[in-house]
N, C-alpha and C. Protein backbone atom coordinates (compact mmCIF):
# COMPACT_ATOMS: atom_id res chain seq x y z
N MET A 1 -0.18 6.86 13.73
CA MET A 1 -0.21 7.86 12.83
C MET A 1 -1.75 7.22 12.01
N ASP A 2 -3.03 8.59 11.78
CA ASP A 2 -4.20 8.90 12.35
C ASP A 2 -4.40 8.23 10.28
N SER A 3 -5.84 7.77 10.31
CA SER A 3 -6.60 7.45 8.85
C SER A 3 -6.15 8.28 7.71
N LYS A 4 -6.37 9.52 8.25
CA LYS A 4 -6.31 10.52 7.34
C LYS A 4 -4.99 10.86 6.55
N ASN A 5 -4.51 10.89 7.76
CA ASN A 5 -2.76 11.17 7.00
C ASN A 5 -2.25 9.97 6.36
N ARG A 6 -2.57 8.41 6.68
CA ARG A 6 -1.98 6.70 5.48
C ARG A 6 -2.54 7.32 4.81
N ALA A 7 -4.51 7.78 4.51
CA ALA A 7 -5.15 8.00 3.41
C ALA A 7 -3.99 9.26 2.43
N PHE A 8 -3.89 10.61 3.24
CA PHE A 8 -2.75 11.66 2.12
C PHE A 8 -1.43 10.12 0.98
N ASP A 9 -0.85 9.72 2.56
CA ASP A 9 0.62 8.46 1.28
C ASP A 9 0.08 7.89 0.37
N VAL A 10 -1.68 7.19 0.70
CA VAL A 10 -1.64 6.15 -0.37
C VAL A 10 -1.90 7.63 -2.25
N VAL A 11 -2.76 8.63 -1.68
CA VAL A 11 -2.90 9.35 -3.02
C VAL A 11 -1.54 9.55 -3.32
N LEU A 12 -0.42 9.84 -1.78
CA LEU A 12 0.87 10.98 -3.26
C LEU A 12 1.78 9.65 -3.44
N TYR A 13 1.84 8.30 -2.78
CA TYR A 13 2.07 6.79 -3.79
C TYR A 13 1.58 6.85 -4.64
N THR A 14 0.11 6.56 -4.44
CA THR A 14 -0.19 6.75 -6.27
C THR A 14 -0.18 7.59 -7.19
N SER A 15 0.37 8.06 -7.50
CA SER A 15 0.88 9.89 -7.95
C SER A 15 2.03 9.02 -8.35
N GLN A 16 3.10 9.12 -7.18
CA GLN A 16 3.90 9.13 -7.61
C GLN A 16 4.55 7.59 -8.03
N LEU A 17 3.79 6.64 -8.08
CA LEU A 17 4.32 5.54 -8.66
C LEU A 17 3.31 5.44 -9.90
N GLN A 18 2.48 6.77 -10.52
CA GLN A 18 1.20 6.52 -11.95
C GLN A 18 0.61 5.38 -12.11
N LEU A 19 -0.05 5.28 -10.51
CA LEU A 19 -1.13 4.32 -10.08
C LEU A 19 -2.32 5.01 -10.94
N SER A 20 -3.23 3.53 -11.51
CA SER A 20 -4.54 4.55 -12.12
C SER A 20 -5.43 4.78 -10.39
N SER A 21 -6.45 5.53 -10.56
CA SER A 21 -7.67 5.55 -9.16
C SER A 21 -7.82 4.51 -9.06
N LYS A 22 -8.33 3.78 -9.83
CA LYS A 22 -9.04 1.92 -9.83
C LYS A 22 -7.81 1.42 -8.25
N THR A 23 -6.72 1.77 -8.81
CA THR A 23 -5.51 1.12 -8.28
C THR A 23 -6.00 1.79 -6.89
N GLN A 24 -5.62 3.15 -6.26
CA GLN A 24 -5.84 3.46 -5.29
C GLN A 24 -6.96 3.09 -4.60
N LYS A 25 -8.22 3.40 -5.56
CA LYS A 25 -9.26 2.76 -4.03
C LYS A 25 -9.07 1.59 -4.11
N ARG A 26 -8.86 0.34 -4.78
CA ARG A 26 -7.82 -0.52 -4.38
C ARG A 26 -7.02 -0.73 -3.13
N ALA A 27 -6.41 0.30 -3.19
CA ALA A 27 -5.64 -0.18 -1.83
C ALA A 27 -5.98 0.37 -0.53
N GLU A 28 -6.97 1.59 -0.54
CA GLU A 28 -7.70 2.20 0.71
C GLU A 28 -8.51 1.01 0.83
N LYS A 29 -9.48 0.48 0.11
CA LYS A 29 -10.50 -0.38 0.22
C LYS A 29 -9.69 -1.55 1.17
N ILE A 30 -8.62 -2.21 0.61
CA ILE A 30 -7.44 -2.91 1.51
C ILE A 30 -7.04 -2.66 2.73
N ILE A 31 -6.94 -1.72 3.50
CA ILE A 31 -6.49 -1.39 4.40
C ILE A 31 -6.95 -1.13 5.03
N SER A 32 -8.72 -0.51 4.72
CA SER A 32 -9.12 0.20 5.32
C SER A 32 -9.78 -1.80 5.91
N GLU A 33 -9.81 -3.51 5.79
CA GLU A 33 -10.10 -4.26 5.56
C GLU A 33 -8.92 -4.48 6.54
N ALA A 34 -7.73 -3.99 6.06
CA ALA A 34 -6.98 -5.01 7.49
C ALA A 34 -7.35 -4.74 8.13
N GLN A 35 -7.75 -3.00 8.60
CA GLN A 35 -7.51 -2.54 9.71
C GLN A 35 -9.04 -3.08 10.64
N GLN A 36 -10.10 -3.49 9.31
CA GLN A 36 -11.53 -4.16 10.55
C GLN A 36 -11.17 -5.09 11.45
N ALA A 37 -10.21 -5.77 10.06
CA ALA A 37 -9.64 -7.26 10.90
C ALA A 37 -8.80 -7.96 11.61
N SER A 38 -8.27 -6.40 12.01
CA SER A 38 -7.16 -6.18 13.07
C SER A 38 -5.81 -7.01 12.61
N LEU A 39 -5.75 -6.77 10.83
CA LEU A 39 -4.34 -7.39 10.64
C LEU A 39 -3.68 -6.95 11.04
N ALA A 40 -3.43 -4.69 11.21
CA ALA A 40 -2.87 -3.86 10.52
C ALA A 40 -2.19 -3.59 12.06
N SER A 41 -2.35 -4.49 13.84
CA SER A 41 -2.01 -4.10 14.90
C SER A 41 -0.83 -4.13 15.04
N GLY A 42 0.30 -3.26 15.64
CA GLY A 42 1.89 -3.87 15.30
C GLY A 42 2.62 -3.96 14.31
N LYS A 43 1.33 -3.01 13.22
CA LYS A 43 2.09 -3.27 12.06
C LYS A 43 2.49 -2.06 11.92
N SER A 44 4.03 -1.46 11.01
CA SER A 44 3.92 0.05 10.70
C SER A 44 2.95 1.03 9.67
N PRO A 45 2.36 1.66 9.50
CA PRO A 45 1.85 2.67 8.76
C PRO A 45 2.37 2.26 7.54
N ASP A 46 3.36 2.41 7.23
CA ASP A 46 4.06 2.99 5.57
C ASP A 46 4.01 1.26 5.51
N THR A 47 4.42 0.40 6.19
CA THR A 47 4.59 -0.48 5.87
C THR A 47 3.19 -1.28 5.40
N LEU A 48 1.85 -0.91 5.97
CA LEU A 48 0.22 -1.46 5.64
C LEU A 48 0.03 -0.60 4.13
N VAL A 49 1.01 0.56 3.58
CA VAL A 49 0.39 1.13 2.84
C VAL A 49 1.44 0.98 1.52
N ALA A 50 1.85 0.33 1.65
CA ALA A 50 3.31 0.08 0.59
C ALA A 50 3.19 -1.88 0.65
N ALA A 51 2.51 -2.39 1.37
CA ALA A 51 1.92 -3.73 0.68
C ALA A 51 0.37 -3.60 0.17
N ALA A 52 -0.32 -2.37 0.62
CA ALA A 52 -1.67 -2.52 -0.19
C ALA A 52 -1.58 -1.96 -1.85
N LEU A 53 -1.00 -1.61 -1.89
CA LEU A 53 -0.67 -0.87 -2.87
C LEU A 53 0.04 -1.41 -3.83
N TYR A 54 1.37 -2.41 -3.30
CA TYR A 54 1.40 -3.36 -4.27
C TYR A 54 0.43 -4.96 -4.43
N ILE A 55 -0.21 -5.34 -3.43
CA ILE A 55 -1.47 -6.23 -4.38
C ILE A 55 -3.05 -5.43 -5.14
N ALA A 56 -2.48 -4.63 -4.98
CA ALA A 56 -4.46 -3.12 -5.38
C ALA A 56 -3.29 -3.77 -6.85
N SER A 57 -1.66 -3.25 -6.85
CA SER A 57 -1.52 -2.76 -8.37
C SER A 57 -1.62 -4.46 -8.63
N ILE A 58 -1.55 -5.39 -8.13
CA ILE A 58 -1.56 -6.69 -9.32
C ILE A 58 -2.94 -7.44 -9.56
N LEU A 59 -4.10 -6.51 -9.39
CA LEU A 59 -5.87 -6.82 -8.03
C LEU A 59 -6.20 -6.37 -9.49
N GLU A 60 -5.89 -5.02 -10.13
CA GLU A 60 -5.91 -3.97 -11.27
C GLU A 60 -5.38 -4.00 -11.76
N GLU A 61 -3.99 -5.29 -12.33
CA GLU A 61 -2.88 -5.47 -13.40
C GLU A 61 -2.77 -3.95 -14.09
N ASP A 62 -2.18 -3.38 -13.01
CA ASP A 62 -1.32 -1.36 -13.08
C ASP A 62 0.03 -2.37 -12.22
N ARG A 63 0.28 -3.29 -12.26
CA ARG A 63 1.60 -3.65 -11.97
C ARG A 63 2.88 -2.98 -11.40
N ARG A 64 3.34 -3.05 -10.17
CA ARG A 64 4.18 -2.35 -10.26
C ARG A 64 4.94 -2.69 -9.48
N SER A 65 6.46 -3.23 -9.39
CA SER A 65 7.10 -4.27 -8.87
C SER A 65 7.03 -3.39 -7.30
N GLN A 66 7.94 -5.01 -6.22
CA GLN A 66 7.81 -4.95 -4.88
C GLN A 66 9.14 -3.39 -5.05
N LEU A 67 9.98 -3.53 -5.25
CA LEU A 67 11.07 -2.65 -5.87
C LEU A 67 11.26 -1.07 -6.36
N GLU A 68 9.71 -1.33 -6.61
CA GLU A 68 9.33 0.81 -7.23
C GLU A 68 8.53 0.69 -6.27
N ILE A 69 7.21 0.11 -5.70
CA ILE A 69 6.29 0.22 -4.19
C ILE A 69 8.24 0.77 -3.14
N SER A 70 9.13 -0.42 -3.40
CA SER A 70 10.04 0.14 -2.00
C SER A 70 10.95 1.55 -2.33
N LYS A 71 11.16 1.78 -3.44
CA LYS A 71 11.67 2.97 -3.68
C LYS A 71 10.89 4.24 -3.50
N VAL A 72 9.45 4.12 -4.09
CA VAL A 72 8.71 5.07 -3.69
C VAL A 72 8.24 5.59 -2.17
N THR A 73 8.22 4.00 -1.15
CA THR A 73 7.63 4.27 0.09
C THR A 73 8.79 5.02 0.71
N GLY A 74 10.02 3.94 0.53
CA GLY A 74 10.70 4.22 1.92
C GLY A 74 10.97 2.89 2.98
N VAL A 75 9.91 1.36 2.03
CA VAL A 75 9.87 0.41 2.90
C VAL A 75 10.94 -0.58 1.89
N SER A 76 11.25 -1.60 3.31
CA SER A 76 12.52 -2.26 2.61
C SER A 76 11.40 -3.19 1.45
N LEU A 77 12.31 -3.97 0.07
CA LEU A 77 11.78 -5.06 -0.01
C LEU A 77 11.63 -5.77 0.70
N SER A 78 12.05 -6.59 1.58
CA SER A 78 12.36 -7.94 2.13
C SER A 78 10.57 -7.60 2.84
N THR A 79 10.32 -6.71 3.70
CA THR A 79 9.03 -6.77 4.79
C THR A 79 7.78 -6.54 3.28
N ILE A 80 8.04 -5.73 2.38
CA ILE A 80 6.98 -5.74 1.07
C ILE A 80 6.38 -7.14 1.10
N GLN A 81 7.47 -8.08 0.71
CA GLN A 81 7.60 -9.34 0.46
C GLN A 81 6.76 -10.30 2.01
N ILE A 82 7.18 -9.33 2.89
CA ILE A 82 6.95 -10.53 3.91
C ILE A 82 5.39 -10.44 3.99
N ARG A 83 5.06 -9.20 3.96
CA ARG A 83 3.92 -8.53 3.54
C ARG A 83 2.36 -8.41 3.70
N TYR A 84 3.40 -9.26 2.03
CA TYR A 84 2.70 -9.59 0.94
C TYR A 84 1.86 -11.26 0.65
N LYS A 85 2.81 -11.64 1.50
CA LYS A 85 2.56 -13.19 2.54
C LYS A 85 1.02 -13.86 3.00
C-alpha cells in the first residue's frame, strides 16, 4: 500500500472513530516518523495505521479504546496491543 492510500485510511478511520483533526494529524506524523525510522518495514499498513491512531488518540487526549480501533480498522486487538508496546 502506498502512502496515498494509507493517508486515505487515516482520514476514513478518523472520521469513523469521530477523532479530532489534531488526532488525525498526530497519527499521520507518527506513521511518517515510523517509516523514516524503518519501524514500519515488514508491517501491515493497516496495523501501522491502527497503532498510530491509538497512540495519537492518547497523546491528543481524544482517547479511543484499542477495541474501538480494532472494530473500525479490522486489525486484531492483540496486534494493536503488540504494536503499541
